[in-house]
Amino acid sequence: MIPYRETQTSRRIEVRYAAPGGGSGTLTLGQDNMIRCIRRDAPEQINKESVWPVPDGTSVSAGLAALRLLVERHESLRTSFPAGPGADGFPERQVVHSEGRFTVTVVEAGGRSEVELDRLAAEVGQADVTVAFDLDAAPRLRLTLVADGERLLRLVVVVCHAGADGAATAVLIQDWLALAAGQDLPPVTAPTPLQIAGAEQGAQGRRKSATALRHWGRILATGPQVVFADSRITGPPRDLSAVLVRSPAAAEDLATVCRRTGASPSVVLLAAFAALVAHRAGRTDLVISALSANRQRAALVDHVGTLAQDALILLDTGAADLDQLIGRAKSASLSAYWHSTLDAERVWRIIEDCAHLRGSRFPRQVVVNDLSLTIPAAIADAQPAPAADPELTRVPAPPLAVRLMFTILRISGSLDFALIACPQVLDPDETDRFARALLAVLAAAARRPVPLRELPGLAEVPPPERSGEWRLIDGSWTDLAAVRTLLETALGARADIELSLDDGVLTARLAARPMVGADGLTPAVAHRAVVAELSGRDTAMAPHHYIVRRAGPGAESVTFGSGRDPEIAARQAVLT
């Protein structure tokens, strides 16, 4: 595909803004988390592009004026994050600018049909989303107008995730529609990012963050490190596929289940999804990462900023029926959402500490992302009706390090969701069958409580394949062959290796080879080398114990131990 900028007539317009206030302060926890993601991941994994509706009869000049008012209205859009004093330049403060300028690109429509305009707008978004935002410059939006002369036809927006998350973007779209139509908006009453940062730094905010860290610490230290353990898993997630599912009938079934159980659509869908994941994983206890958290307080519903941090859900699916599982999902998700405002740097330290102590690294294997409240009705209603019920469409998969992701897009009028799967867990055909099974579960649950052993569609979801030397160790299924490969990769040049498992304890016996560097091989050195190789090896774990033998001039020397660092153990003990 040739980039649109090389084939379209376009011009750039500079827009100046001026707003009362301004100021600076510490980062919010959400901003800190998202800036870390921005600095680590590719722009297309972080930036969010969409085509915003345009009111009929809107002119380019009116659109530009509305965009200026939008930037002036929301401090988060006028915020920059200057480099900090540390060696890595990580920002420590947010700066809200009271005045400044931004550039809008205007692309000429060139007589295109409506379908061609949609295609052009999508191409614009796909190109712009791959360009990183400058954290040290406002605004936090990249804007392109598609116009026929002075007539505005499409508005393509790329949002910097440090400026607005999905829920905030929905607020921006609603405000844009009102401003473009010439309407006056009431003053903003939701707290600004600066106000949220101040609250987070207060005594209550610090207590809440500390409690959240303990929630994460307990789950990471005691819950299953991995969900899927399967002989098909041979490396990190790759070659993901995605299917978009749309079903008006399923929306009616979902509404019926909600009325019958008194649960929210998000909870019902979480429970139905978890029941099928548990069947595929061959286990009842699941650790699920939920995105789009932190909007549980009414005061934050209309906040424009980024609150996006993972909620970590520990869910026991060993229930009698789906109704009981829905109740468990409600309790587990509420607890997880409440404990999802936290220091991202400290969370990563906990993950690393648990990897060191448990010998297995937590991967975000199963993810739920409920975006149903972040997509305005104006956008959802503009979609054509599904061509079939259900309608399944293969769509490009985003580059994510997940095994299975369930993204809820719409719950009213039509249940729309996307399943993104790694083929080592579900290949594309199995992903389609998983989606149909989920719809079947909702249809059955609309009529009555369904025993989990009788869930429809289970035959369509493959159970785990575990051929070889699989053992349940420390709550996770582990492939001993994968452990040997891990040890060979980490230590094979320095020692001959023998692995044994007795009463749930993995022991590595290492006979040091006479070579440069082998003299320094100790249990601690060996363990750190093994843990360093864990990433992407979901089916392996480090041994609990190391015995290092070394031939000497007079006699053989033997050192043994767990290799775990007592300081890390003490640090983790505080949380658990």
Protein backbone atom coordinates (compact mmCIF):
# COMPACT_ATOMS: atom_id res chain seq x y z
CA MET A 1 0.00 0.00 0.00
CA ILE A 2 1.40 3.40 -0.97
CA PRO A 3 1.25 5.86 1.97
CA TYR A 4 -1.59 8.32 1.54
CA ARG A 5 0.72 11.30 1.89
CA GLU A 6 2.45 10.35 -1.35
CA THR A 7 -0.76 10.12 -3.33
CA GLN A 8 -3.06 12.78 -1.86
CA THR A 9 -3.24 16.55 -2.08
CA SER A 10 -2.89 17.84 1.47
CA ARG A 11 -2.10 20.98 3.39
CA ARG A 12 -1.20 21.71 6.99
CA ILE A 13 -2.97 24.32 9.10
CA GLU A 14 -1.59 25.69 12.35
CA VAL A 15 -4.14 26.28 15.12
CA ARG A 16 -3.37 28.44 18.15
CA TYR A 17 -5.03 27.82 21.51
CA ALA A 18 -5.20 29.77 24.76
CA ALA A 19 -6.84 28.55 27.94
CA PRO A 20 -6.93 29.73 31.54
CA GLY A 21 -4.77 27.97 34.06
CA GLY A 22 -1.88 25.70 33.38
CA GLY A 23 0.71 24.47 35.80
CA SER A 24 2.83 21.47 36.57
CA GLY A 25 3.03 18.63 39.05
CA THR A 26 3.99 15.03 39.57
CA LEU A 27 2.80 12.33 37.20
CA THR A 28 -0.33 10.38 37.91
CA LEU A 29 0.19 6.63 38.35
CA GLY A 30 -1.65 6.10 35.08
CA GLN A 31 0.59 8.54 33.22
CA ASP A 32 3.70 6.95 34.70
CA ASN A 33 2.51 3.49 33.62
CA MET A 34 1.65 4.58 30.11
CA ILE A 35 4.87 6.52 29.57
CA ARG A 36 6.77 3.35 30.45
CA CYS A 37 4.74 1.51 27.80
CA ILE A 38 5.37 4.28 25.25
CA ARG A 39 9.12 4.14 25.83
CA ARG A 40 9.16 0.33 25.59
CA ASP A 41 6.68 -0.64 22.87
CA ALA A 42 6.14 0.20 19.21
CA PRO A 43 3.89 3.25 18.60
CA GLU A 44 1.17 1.17 16.93
CA GLN A 45 0.85 -0.88 20.12
CA ILE A 46 0.24 2.24 22.23
CA ASN A 47 -1.30 4.96 20.06
CA LYS A 48 -5.00 4.60 19.32
CA GLU A 49 -6.49 5.68 16.00
CA SER A 50 -10.16 6.13 15.11
CA VAL A 51 -12.40 7.99 12.71
CA TRP A 52 -14.65 10.37 14.62
CA PRO A 53 -18.17 11.16 13.35
CA VAL A 54 -18.66 14.53 11.67
CA PRO A 55 -22.01 16.36 12.02
CA ASP A 56 -23.69 16.97 8.68
CA GLY A 57 -22.86 20.34 7.18
CA THR A 58 -19.68 20.91 9.21
CA SER A 59 -17.16 23.14 7.45
CA VAL A 60 -13.40 22.86 7.73
CA SER A 61 -13.22 26.19 9.56
CA ALA A 62 -15.93 25.07 12.01
CA GLY A 63 -14.10 21.79 12.54
CA LEU A 64 -10.83 23.58 13.27
CA ALA A 65 -12.60 25.89 15.73
CA ALA A 66 -14.18 22.89 17.47
CA LEU A 67 -10.82 21.16 17.76
CA ARG A 68 -9.29 24.30 19.26
CA LEU A 69 -12.09 24.46 21.84
CA LEU A 70 -11.61 20.77 22.59
CA VAL A 71 -7.90 21.22 23.30
CA GLU A 72 -8.61 24.29 25.41
CA ARG A 73 -11.33 22.42 27.35
CA HIS A 74 -9.22 19.46 28.51
CA GLU A 75 -5.93 19.95 30.31
CA SER A 76 -4.73 16.45 29.48
CA LEU A 77 -4.60 17.35 25.77
CA ARG A 78 -2.36 20.33 26.56
CA THR A 79 0.06 18.34 28.71
CA SER A 80 3.69 17.59 27.96
CA PHE A 81 6.11 15.35 29.81
CA PRO A 82 9.61 16.86 29.73
CA ALA A 83 12.60 14.59 30.18
CA GLY A 84 13.62 14.05 33.78
CA PRO A 85 17.06 14.52 35.35
CA GLY A 86 17.85 10.81 35.58
CA ALA A 87 20.27 9.02 33.29
CA ASP A 88 17.41 7.51 31.27
CA GLY A 89 15.55 10.83 31.02
CA PHE A 90 12.31 9.31 32.29
CA PRO A 91 9.78 12.14 32.86
CA GLU A 92 9.01 12.97 36.45
CA ARG A 93 6.50 15.78 35.91
CA GLN A 94 3.56 16.77 33.78
CA VAL A 95 3.30 20.32 32.45
CA VAL A 96 -0.07 21.76 31.43
CA HIS A 97 0.32 24.52 28.85
CA SER A 98 -2.09 27.45 28.95
CA GLU A 99 -1.29 28.43 25.38
CA GLY A 100 0.38 26.95 22.35
CA ARG A 101 -0.28 25.67 18.87
CA PHE A 102 -0.97 22.43 17.05
CA THR A 103 -1.02 21.40 13.41
CA VAL A 104 -3.93 19.82 11.56
CA THR A 105 -3.44 18.05 8.23
CA VAL A 106 -6.20 18.53 5.66
CA VAL A 107 -6.42 15.89 2.90
CA GLU A 108 -8.54 16.59 -0.19
CA ALA A 109 -11.23 14.00 -0.85
CA GLY A 110 -10.76 14.19 -4.62
CA GLY A 111 -14.29 13.14 -5.60
CA ARG A 112 -14.20 9.79 -3.78
CA SER A 113 -17.32 7.79 -3.00
CA GLU A 114 -18.39 7.16 0.60
CA VAL A 115 -16.76 3.73 0.57
CA GLU A 116 -13.56 5.16 -0.85
CA LEU A 117 -13.60 7.93 1.75
CA ASP A 118 -13.88 5.34 4.51
CA ARG A 119 -10.96 3.46 3.00
CA LEU A 120 -8.89 6.66 2.76
CA ALA A 121 -9.67 7.58 6.38
CA ALA A 122 -8.65 4.10 7.53
CA GLU A 123 -5.41 4.36 5.56
CA VAL A 124 -4.67 7.74 7.12
CA GLY A 125 -5.17 6.30 10.59
CA GLN A 126 -3.03 3.24 9.87
CA ALA A 127 -0.19 5.46 8.69
CA ASP A 128 -0.42 8.02 11.50
CA VAL A 129 -0.70 5.50 14.33
CA THR A 130 2.81 4.20 13.61
CA VAL A 131 4.38 7.61 14.30
CA ALA A 132 5.52 8.14 17.87
CA PHE A 133 4.36 11.20 19.80
CA ASP A 134 6.91 13.58 21.24
CA LEU A 135 6.29 13.41 24.99
CA ASP A 136 7.87 16.82 25.42
CA ALA A 137 5.34 18.56 23.18
CA ALA A 138 1.57 19.09 23.29
CA PRO A 139 -1.06 18.34 22.17
CA ARG A 140 -1.66 14.66 22.78
CA LEU A 141 -3.64 14.28 19.54
CA ARG A 142 -2.69 13.88 15.88
CA LEU A 143 -5.45 15.24 13.66
CA THR A 144 -6.28 14.83 9.97
CA LEU A 145 -9.33 16.24 8.20
CA VAL A 146 -10.59 14.72 4.96
CA ALA A 147 -12.41 17.49 3.11
CA ASP A 148 -14.02 18.42 -0.18
CA GLY A 149 -12.98 22.03 -0.41
CA GLU A 150 -14.47 23.67 2.68
CA ARG A 151 -16.81 20.73 3.41
CA LEU A 152 -15.53 18.48 6.19
CA LEU A 153 -16.19 14.78 5.47
CA ARG A 154 -14.06 12.76 7.88
CA LEU A 155 -11.99 13.40 11.02
CA VAL A 156 -9.15 10.97 11.69
CA VAL A 157 -7.68 11.14 15.18
CA VAL A 158 -4.69 9.38 16.69
CA VAL A 159 -4.65 9.67 20.48
CA CYS A 160 -1.48 9.48 22.53
CA HIS A 161 -2.26 7.02 25.31
CA ALA A 162 -0.45 9.24 27.82
CA GLY A 163 -3.13 11.86 27.16
CA ALA A 164 -6.31 9.82 26.99
CA ASP A 165 -7.34 6.21 27.46
CA GLY A 166 -10.33 4.53 25.81
CA ALA A 167 -12.96 5.89 28.19
CA ALA A 168 -11.49 9.40 27.96
CA THR A 169 -11.51 9.18 24.16
CA ALA A 170 -15.26 8.46 24.29
CA VAL A 171 -15.71 11.69 26.27
CA LEU A 172 -13.62 13.57 23.70
CA ILE A 173 -15.74 12.26 20.84
CA GLN A 174 -18.96 13.34 22.54
CA ASP A 175 -17.51 16.80 23.21
CA TRP A 176 -16.28 17.06 19.62
CA LEU A 177 -19.73 16.28 18.24
CA ALA A 178 -21.31 18.96 20.39
CA LEU A 179 -18.67 21.58 19.63
CA ALA A 180 -18.68 20.86 15.89
CA ALA A 181 -22.46 21.30 15.90
CA GLY A 182 -22.04 24.73 17.50
CA GLN A 183 -23.34 23.74 20.93
CA ASP A 184 -22.12 25.17 24.23
CA LEU A 185 -20.81 22.70 26.78
CA PRO A 186 -21.05 23.01 30.56
CA PRO A 187 -17.81 23.44 32.47
CA VAL A 188 -15.71 20.36 33.10
CA THR A 189 -16.39 18.93 36.57
CA ALA A 190 -14.26 15.78 36.46
CA PRO A 191 -10.89 16.00 38.21
CA THR A 192 -7.90 16.93 36.08
CA PRO A 193 -4.73 14.82 35.91
CA LEU A 194 -2.97 17.33 38.17
CA GLN A 195 -5.72 16.96 40.77
CA ILE A 196 -5.59 13.17 40.54
CA ALA A 197 -1.80 13.23 40.96
CA GLY A 198 -2.21 15.35 44.08
CA ALA A 199 -4.76 12.91 45.53
CA GLU A 200 -2.52 9.93 44.74
CA GLN A 201 0.36 11.56 46.60
CA GLY A 202 -1.82 12.15 49.68
CA ALA A 203 -2.01 9.79 52.63
CA GLN A 204 -5.14 8.01 51.41
CA GLY A 205 -3.77 7.64 47.90
CA ARG A 206 -0.51 6.15 49.17
CA ARG A 207 -2.42 3.67 51.36
CA LYS A 208 -4.56 2.61 48.40
CA SER A 209 -1.49 2.10 46.20
CA ALA A 210 0.24 0.06 48.92
CA THR A 211 -2.85 -2.14 49.31
CA ALA A 212 -2.93 -2.66 45.55
CA LEU A 213 0.70 -3.76 45.55
CA ARG A 214 -0.07 -6.32 48.27
CA HIS A 215 -2.97 -7.64 46.12
CA TRP A 216 -0.61 -8.13 43.19
CA GLY A 217 2.11 -9.53 45.41
CA ARG A 218 -0.17 -12.20 46.89
CA ILE A 219 -1.50 -13.36 43.52
CA LEU A 220 1.90 -13.39 41.84
CA ALA A 221 3.47 -15.23 44.76
CA THR A 222 0.76 -17.87 45.25
CA GLY A 223 -1.45 -18.06 42.16
CA PRO A 224 -0.69 -19.97 38.97
CA GLN A 225 2.07 -18.27 37.03
CA VAL A 226 0.69 -19.53 33.71
CA VAL A 227 -2.80 -20.47 32.55
CA PHE A 228 -2.11 -22.43 29.38
CA ALA A 229 0.29 -25.37 29.59
CA ASP A 230 0.27 -27.34 26.37
CA SER A 231 2.70 -29.26 24.20
CA ARG A 232 1.74 -26.91 21.37
CA ILE A 233 3.42 -24.01 23.20
CA THR A 234 6.96 -23.90 21.85
CA GLY A 235 7.98 -20.29 22.40
CA PRO A 236 6.70 -16.77 22.96
CA PRO A 237 3.37 -15.68 21.39
CA ARG A 238 3.64 -14.99 17.66
CA ASP A 239 1.60 -15.07 14.44
CA LEU A 240 -1.56 -14.02 16.28
CA SER A 241 -4.91 -14.13 14.49
CA ALA A 242 -8.11 -12.25 15.28
CA VAL A 243 -11.80 -12.71 14.59
CA LEU A 244 -14.47 -10.03 14.96
CA VAL A 245 -17.83 -11.41 16.08
CA ARG A 246 -21.16 -9.55 15.78
CA SER A 247 -24.48 -10.99 16.92
CA PRO A 248 -27.78 -9.18 17.66
CA ALA A 249 -29.23 -12.42 19.07
CA ALA A 250 -26.34 -12.72 21.52
CA ALA A 251 -26.99 -9.16 22.74
CA GLU A 252 -30.56 -10.22 23.61
CA ASP A 253 -29.28 -13.38 25.34
CA LEU A 254 -26.75 -11.32 27.30
CA ALA A 255 -29.45 -8.87 28.43
CA THR A 256 -31.62 -11.78 29.56
CA VAL A 257 -28.79 -13.34 31.58
CA CYS A 258 -28.13 -9.97 33.22
CA ARG A 259 -31.78 -9.57 34.18
CA ARG A 260 -31.95 -13.13 35.50
CA THR A 261 -28.75 -12.97 37.57
CA GLY A 262 -28.57 -9.27 38.46
CA ALA A 263 -25.01 -9.10 37.14
CA SER A 264 -23.55 -6.57 34.73
CA PRO A 265 -22.85 -7.47 31.09
CA SER A 266 -19.10 -7.19 31.75
CA VAL A 267 -19.27 -9.72 34.60
CA VAL A 268 -21.47 -12.16 32.67
CA LEU A 269 -19.13 -12.09 29.68
CA LEU A 270 -16.08 -12.49 31.93
CA ALA A 271 -17.63 -15.58 33.54
CA ALA A 272 -18.67 -17.17 30.23
CA PHE A 273 -15.24 -16.50 28.73
CA ALA A 274 -13.45 -17.82 31.84
CA ALA A 275 -15.49 -21.04 31.80
CA LEU A 276 -14.29 -21.81 28.27
CA VAL A 277 -10.71 -20.74 29.02
CA ALA A 278 -10.66 -23.07 32.03
CA HIS A 279 -11.80 -25.95 29.80
CA ARG A 280 -9.13 -25.15 27.20
CA ALA A 281 -6.45 -24.78 29.90
CA GLY A 282 -7.48 -27.90 31.80
CA ARG A 283 -7.46 -26.09 35.15
CA THR A 284 -9.97 -24.29 37.37
CA ASP A 285 -7.89 -21.45 38.83
CA LEU A 286 -7.16 -18.67 36.38
CA VAL A 287 -5.17 -15.45 36.50
CA ILE A 288 -6.67 -12.94 34.07
CA SER A 289 -5.43 -9.46 33.24
CA ALA A 290 -8.25 -6.96 32.75
CA LEU A 291 -7.57 -3.72 30.92
CA SER A 292 -9.65 -0.52 31.00
CA ALA A 293 -9.74 -0.62 34.79
CA ASN A 294 -9.88 2.29 37.25
CA ARG A 295 -13.19 3.80 36.14
CA GLN A 296 -15.11 2.27 39.05
CA ARG A 297 -15.51 5.56 40.93
CA ALA A 298 -18.33 7.83 39.71
CA ALA A 299 -16.12 10.91 39.99
CA LEU A 300 -13.77 9.48 37.35
CA VAL A 301 -16.34 8.42 34.75
CA ASP A 302 -15.85 11.61 32.70
CA HIS A 303 -12.17 12.13 33.50
CA VAL A 304 -10.08 12.93 30.44
CA GLY A 305 -6.65 11.47 30.97
CA THR A 306 -5.16 8.03 31.21
CA LEU A 307 -6.20 5.76 34.06
CA ALA A 308 -5.34 2.59 32.17
CA GLN A 309 -3.62 0.07 34.40
CA ASP A 310 -4.11 -3.68 34.52
CA ALA A 311 -6.42 -5.26 37.04
CA LEU A 312 -5.19 -8.71 38.11
CA ILE A 313 -8.07 -11.15 38.57
CA LEU A 314 -7.64 -14.46 40.38
CA LEU A 315 -10.75 -16.49 39.57
CA ASP A 316 -11.64 -19.98 40.74
CA THR A 317 -13.87 -21.45 38.02
CA GLY A 318 -14.58 -24.65 39.95
CA ALA A 319 -18.24 -23.74 40.40
CA ALA A 320 -21.33 -25.89 40.07
CA ASP A 321 -22.93 -23.81 37.35
CA LEU A 322 -22.47 -20.64 35.36
CA ASP A 323 -24.67 -18.61 37.72
CA GLN A 324 -22.35 -19.42 40.60
CA LEU A 325 -19.33 -18.57 38.47
CA ILE A 326 -20.92 -15.24 37.57
CA GLY A 327 -21.13 -14.45 41.28
CA ARG A 328 -17.47 -15.37 41.76
CA ALA A 329 -16.48 -13.30 38.72
CA LYS A 330 -18.28 -10.27 40.13
CA SER A 331 -16.46 -10.50 43.47
CA ALA A 332 -13.05 -11.24 41.93
CA SER A 333 -13.27 -8.48 39.31
CA LEU A 334 -14.44 -5.82 41.78
CA SER A 335 -11.52 -6.65 44.06
CA ALA A 336 -9.11 -6.55 41.13
CA TYR A 337 -10.43 -3.21 39.84
CA TRP A 338 -10.20 -1.68 43.29
CA HIS A 339 -6.56 -2.79 43.49
CA SER A 340 -5.46 -1.53 40.08
CA THR A 341 -4.19 1.96 40.94
CA LEU A 342 -0.55 1.37 41.67
CA ASP A 343 3.07 2.21 41.01
CA ALA A 344 3.99 0.49 37.71
CA GLU A 345 7.71 0.44 38.50
CA ARG A 346 7.07 -1.38 41.77
CA VAL A 347 4.72 -3.84 40.05
CA TRP A 348 7.46 -4.77 37.61
CA ARG A 349 9.82 -5.24 40.54
CA ILE A 350 7.29 -7.60 42.14
CA ILE A 351 7.01 -9.56 38.88
CA GLU A 352 10.80 -9.84 38.70
CA ASP A 353 11.07 -10.74 42.38
CA CYS A 354 8.46 -13.49 42.02
CA ALA A 355 10.23 -14.83 38.94
CA HIS A 356 13.44 -15.01 40.98
CA LEU A 357 11.79 -16.68 43.97
CA ARG A 358 9.36 -19.04 42.21
CA GLY A 359 11.57 -19.76 39.22
CA SER A 360 8.78 -19.01 36.75
CA ARG A 361 7.92 -15.71 35.11
CA PHE A 362 4.35 -14.39 35.00
CA PRO A 363 3.23 -13.85 31.39
CA ARG A 364 0.07 -11.93 30.57
CA GLN A 365 -1.48 -14.98 28.88
CA VAL A 366 -5.22 -14.29 29.21
CA VAL A 367 -6.50 -10.74 28.79
CA VAL A 368 -9.98 -9.20 28.92
CA ASN A 369 -10.57 -5.67 27.64
CA ASP A 370 -14.09 -4.27 27.98
CA LEU A 371 -14.32 -1.28 25.64
CA SER A 372 -18.12 -1.33 25.41
CA LEU A 373 -18.48 1.90 27.39
CA THR A 374 -15.69 3.66 25.51
CA ILE A 375 -17.20 3.50 22.01
CA PRO A 376 -19.85 6.21 21.60
CA ALA A 377 -23.23 5.19 20.24
CA ALA A 378 -22.70 7.55 17.29
CA ILE A 379 -19.83 5.35 16.11
CA ALA A 380 -21.43 2.02 16.96
CA ASP A 381 -24.74 2.92 15.32
CA ALA A 382 -22.99 4.07 12.15
CA GLN A 383 -21.84 0.53 11.40
CA PRO A 384 -23.84 -1.50 8.87
CA ALA A 385 -25.94 -4.28 10.33
CA PRO A 386 -24.28 -7.72 10.48
CA ALA A 387 -24.69 -9.67 7.25
CA ALA A 388 -25.44 -12.82 9.27
CA ASP A 389 -26.15 -13.74 12.87
CA PRO A 390 -23.54 -14.41 14.04
CA GLU A 391 -21.19 -12.63 11.68
CA LEU A 392 -17.54 -13.72 12.02
CA THR A 393 -14.90 -11.71 10.19
CA ARG A 394 -11.16 -12.29 10.19
CA VAL A 395 -9.36 -9.03 10.96
CA PRO A 396 -5.69 -8.09 11.38
CA ALA A 397 -4.36 -8.95 14.82
CA PRO A 398 -2.43 -6.33 16.79
CA PRO A 399 1.13 -7.25 17.83
CA LEU A 400 0.51 -8.28 21.44
CA ALA A 401 2.39 -10.59 23.80
CA VAL A 402 -0.72 -12.57 24.81
CA ARG A 403 -2.05 -16.08 24.30
CA LEU A 404 -5.76 -15.20 24.24
CA MET A 405 -7.45 -11.80 24.43
CA PHE A 406 -11.18 -11.10 24.65
CA THR A 407 -12.07 -7.52 23.66
CA ILE A 408 -15.70 -6.49 24.21
CA LEU A 409 -16.73 -3.76 21.79
CA ARG A 410 -20.52 -3.46 22.02
CA ILE A 411 -23.26 -4.96 24.18
CA SER A 412 -26.45 -3.15 23.14
CA GLY A 413 -28.28 -3.93 19.90
CA SER A 414 -25.51 -6.30 18.91
CA LEU A 415 -22.90 -8.12 20.92
CA ASP A 416 -19.64 -7.27 19.21
CA PHE A 417 -16.33 -8.66 20.40
CA ALA A 418 -12.93 -9.67 19.10
CA LEU A 419 -10.92 -12.75 19.98
CA ILE A 420 -7.17 -12.48 19.47
CA ALA A 421 -5.34 -15.78 19.78
CA CYS A 422 -1.86 -17.24 19.51
CA PRO A 423 -1.98 -20.36 17.28
CA GLN A 424 0.01 -22.26 19.91
CA VAL A 425 -3.20 -22.11 21.99
CA LEU A 426 -5.98 -21.68 19.40
CA ASP A 427 -5.43 -21.73 15.66
CA PRO A 428 -7.77 -19.56 13.53
CA ASP A 429 -10.38 -22.30 13.03
CA GLU A 430 -10.32 -23.14 16.75
CA THR A 431 -10.67 -19.44 17.54
CA ASP A 432 -13.83 -19.31 15.43
CA ARG A 433 -15.21 -22.35 17.25
CA PHE A 434 -14.33 -20.79 20.61
CA ALA A 435 -16.30 -17.68 19.60
CA ARG A 436 -19.34 -19.75 18.59
CA ALA A 437 -19.10 -21.70 21.84
CA LEU A 438 -19.18 -18.42 23.79
CA LEU A 439 -22.37 -17.43 21.97
CA ALA A 440 -23.87 -20.84 22.69
CA VAL A 441 -23.08 -20.48 26.40
CA LEU A 442 -24.93 -17.14 26.52
CA ALA A 443 -27.93 -18.62 24.70
CA ALA A 444 -28.14 -21.50 27.17
CA ALA A 445 -27.63 -19.25 30.20
CA ALA A 446 -30.46 -17.00 29.06
CA ARG A 447 -32.87 -19.87 29.78
CA ARG A 448 -31.55 -21.34 33.05
CA PRO A 449 -28.52 -21.88 35.28
CA VAL A 450 -26.24 -24.15 33.25
CA PRO A 451 -23.99 -26.72 35.00
CA LEU A 452 -20.44 -26.06 33.88
CA ARG A 453 -19.96 -29.69 32.89
CA GLU A 454 -22.93 -29.28 30.51
CA LEU A 455 -21.89 -26.03 28.86
CA PRO A 456 -22.72 -26.11 25.16
CA GLY A 457 -19.80 -25.82 22.79
CA LEU A 458 -17.23 -27.57 24.99
CA ALA A 459 -16.71 -30.15 22.27
CA GLU A 460 -15.69 -27.29 19.95
CA VAL A 461 -12.95 -26.08 22.33
CA PRO A 462 -9.93 -28.40 22.39
CA PRO A 463 -8.67 -29.54 25.80
CA PRO A 464 -4.95 -29.20 26.49
CA GLU A 465 -2.47 -31.53 24.82
CA ARG A 466 0.24 -32.67 27.21
CA SER A 467 2.41 -35.37 25.76
CA GLY A 468 5.69 -36.08 27.48
CA GLU A 469 7.01 -35.27 30.94
CA TRP A 470 4.40 -32.89 32.32
CA ARG A 471 4.21 -32.41 36.08
CA LEU A 472 2.15 -30.09 38.28
CA ILE A 473 4.75 -28.09 40.23
CA ASP A 474 4.05 -25.04 42.39
CA GLY A 475 0.54 -24.71 40.98
CA SER A 476 1.59 -24.72 37.32
CA TRP A 477 1.94 -27.51 34.79
CA THR A 478 5.60 -27.81 33.81
CA ASP A 479 7.27 -29.76 31.02
CA LEU A 480 10.46 -31.34 32.34
CA ALA A 481 11.85 -31.52 28.81
CA ALA A 482 11.42 -27.76 28.55
CA VAL A 483 13.20 -27.37 31.89
CA ARG A 484 16.18 -29.34 30.57
CA THR A 485 16.29 -27.14 27.48
CA LEU A 486 16.19 -24.07 29.71
CA LEU A 487 19.07 -25.36 31.80
CA GLU A 488 21.12 -26.27 28.73
CA THR A 489 20.59 -22.81 27.27
CA ALA A 490 21.56 -21.04 30.48
CA LEU A 491 24.32 -23.31 31.79
CA GLY A 492 25.23 -25.91 29.20
CA ALA A 493 28.58 -24.38 28.37
CA ARG A 494 29.62 -24.37 32.02
CA ALA A 495 28.36 -27.67 33.44
CA ASP A 496 27.01 -31.12 32.75
CA ILE A 497 23.40 -31.16 33.93
CA GLU A 498 21.19 -33.74 35.57
CA LEU A 499 17.59 -32.91 36.55
CA SER A 500 15.48 -34.71 39.14
CA LEU A 501 12.03 -34.21 40.70
CA ASP A 502 11.30 -35.57 44.16
CA ASP A 503 8.18 -34.69 46.20
CA GLY A 504 7.53 -31.63 44.07
CA VAL A 505 11.10 -30.30 44.39
CA LEU A 506 13.10 -29.77 41.21
CA THR A 507 16.83 -30.26 41.70
CA ALA A 508 19.57 -29.51 39.16
CA ARG A 509 22.84 -31.36 39.68
CA LEU A 510 25.60 -29.45 37.94
CA ALA A 511 29.03 -30.94 37.31
CA ALA A 512 31.18 -27.89 36.55
CA ARG A 513 33.34 -28.26 33.45
CA PRO A 514 37.04 -27.32 33.62
CA MET A 515 36.83 -24.10 31.67
CA VAL A 516 37.25 -20.38 32.13
CA GLY A 517 34.38 -19.09 34.27
CA ALA A 518 33.29 -22.48 35.59
CA ASP A 519 35.17 -21.88 38.87
CA GLY A 520 32.67 -19.13 39.71
CA LEU A 521 29.62 -21.35 39.27
CA THR A 522 27.54 -21.38 42.45
CA PRO A 523 23.83 -22.03 43.10
CA ALA A 524 23.22 -18.27 43.16
CA VAL A 525 25.09 -17.70 39.89
CA ALA A 526 23.34 -20.66 38.28
CA HIS A 527 19.89 -19.52 39.39
CA ARG A 528 20.30 -15.99 38.10
CA ALA A 529 21.49 -17.34 34.75
CA VAL A 530 18.48 -19.64 34.49
CA VAL A 531 15.97 -16.95 35.49
CA ALA A 532 17.47 -14.62 32.87
CA GLU A 533 16.46 -17.15 30.20
CA LEU A 534 12.85 -17.63 31.41
CA SER A 535 11.18 -15.03 29.20
CA GLY A 536 9.00 -16.68 26.57
CA ARG A 537 9.40 -20.15 28.12
CA ASP A 538 5.91 -20.55 29.58
CA THR A 539 6.20 -24.33 29.94
CA ALA A 540 9.46 -24.32 31.92
CA MET A 541 10.63 -23.21 35.33
CA ALA A 542 13.89 -22.87 37.20
CA PRO A 543 14.86 -25.58 39.70
CA HIS A 544 14.16 -25.14 43.38
CA HIS A 545 17.59 -26.46 44.33
CA TYR A 546 21.07 -26.60 42.82
CA ILE A 547 23.95 -28.94 43.66
CA VAL A 548 27.22 -27.83 42.08
CA ARG A 549 30.11 -30.32 41.99
CA ARG A 550 33.59 -29.25 41.01
CA ALA A 551 36.66 -31.47 40.69
CA GLY A 552 39.68 -30.05 42.46
CA PRO A 553 43.38 -30.96 42.74
CA GLY A 554 42.80 -32.92 45.92
CA ALA A 555 39.10 -33.70 46.28
CA GLU A 556 35.74 -32.81 44.80
CA SER A 557 34.02 -29.73 46.22
CA VAL A 558 30.24 -29.54 46.51
CA THR A 559 28.07 -26.47 47.03
CA PHE A 560 24.31 -26.58 47.24
CA GLY A 561 21.39 -24.29 47.85
CA SER A 562 18.34 -22.66 46.30
CA GLY A 563 20.30 -19.81 44.76
CA ARG A 564 17.57 -17.39 45.89
CA ASP A 565 18.61 -13.97 47.15
CA PRO A 566 17.56 -13.47 50.82
CA GLU A 567 17.05 -9.74 50.24
CA ILE A 568 14.53 -10.43 47.48
CA ALA A 569 12.76 -12.97 49.70
CA ALA A 570 12.54 -10.43 52.52
CA ARG A 571 11.22 -7.75 50.16
CA GLN A 572 8.50 -10.06 48.86
CA ALA A 573 7.58 -11.27 52.37
CA VAL A 574 6.47 -7.74 53.25
CA LEU A 575 3.77 -7.97 50.57
CA THR A 576 2.50 -11.44 51.37
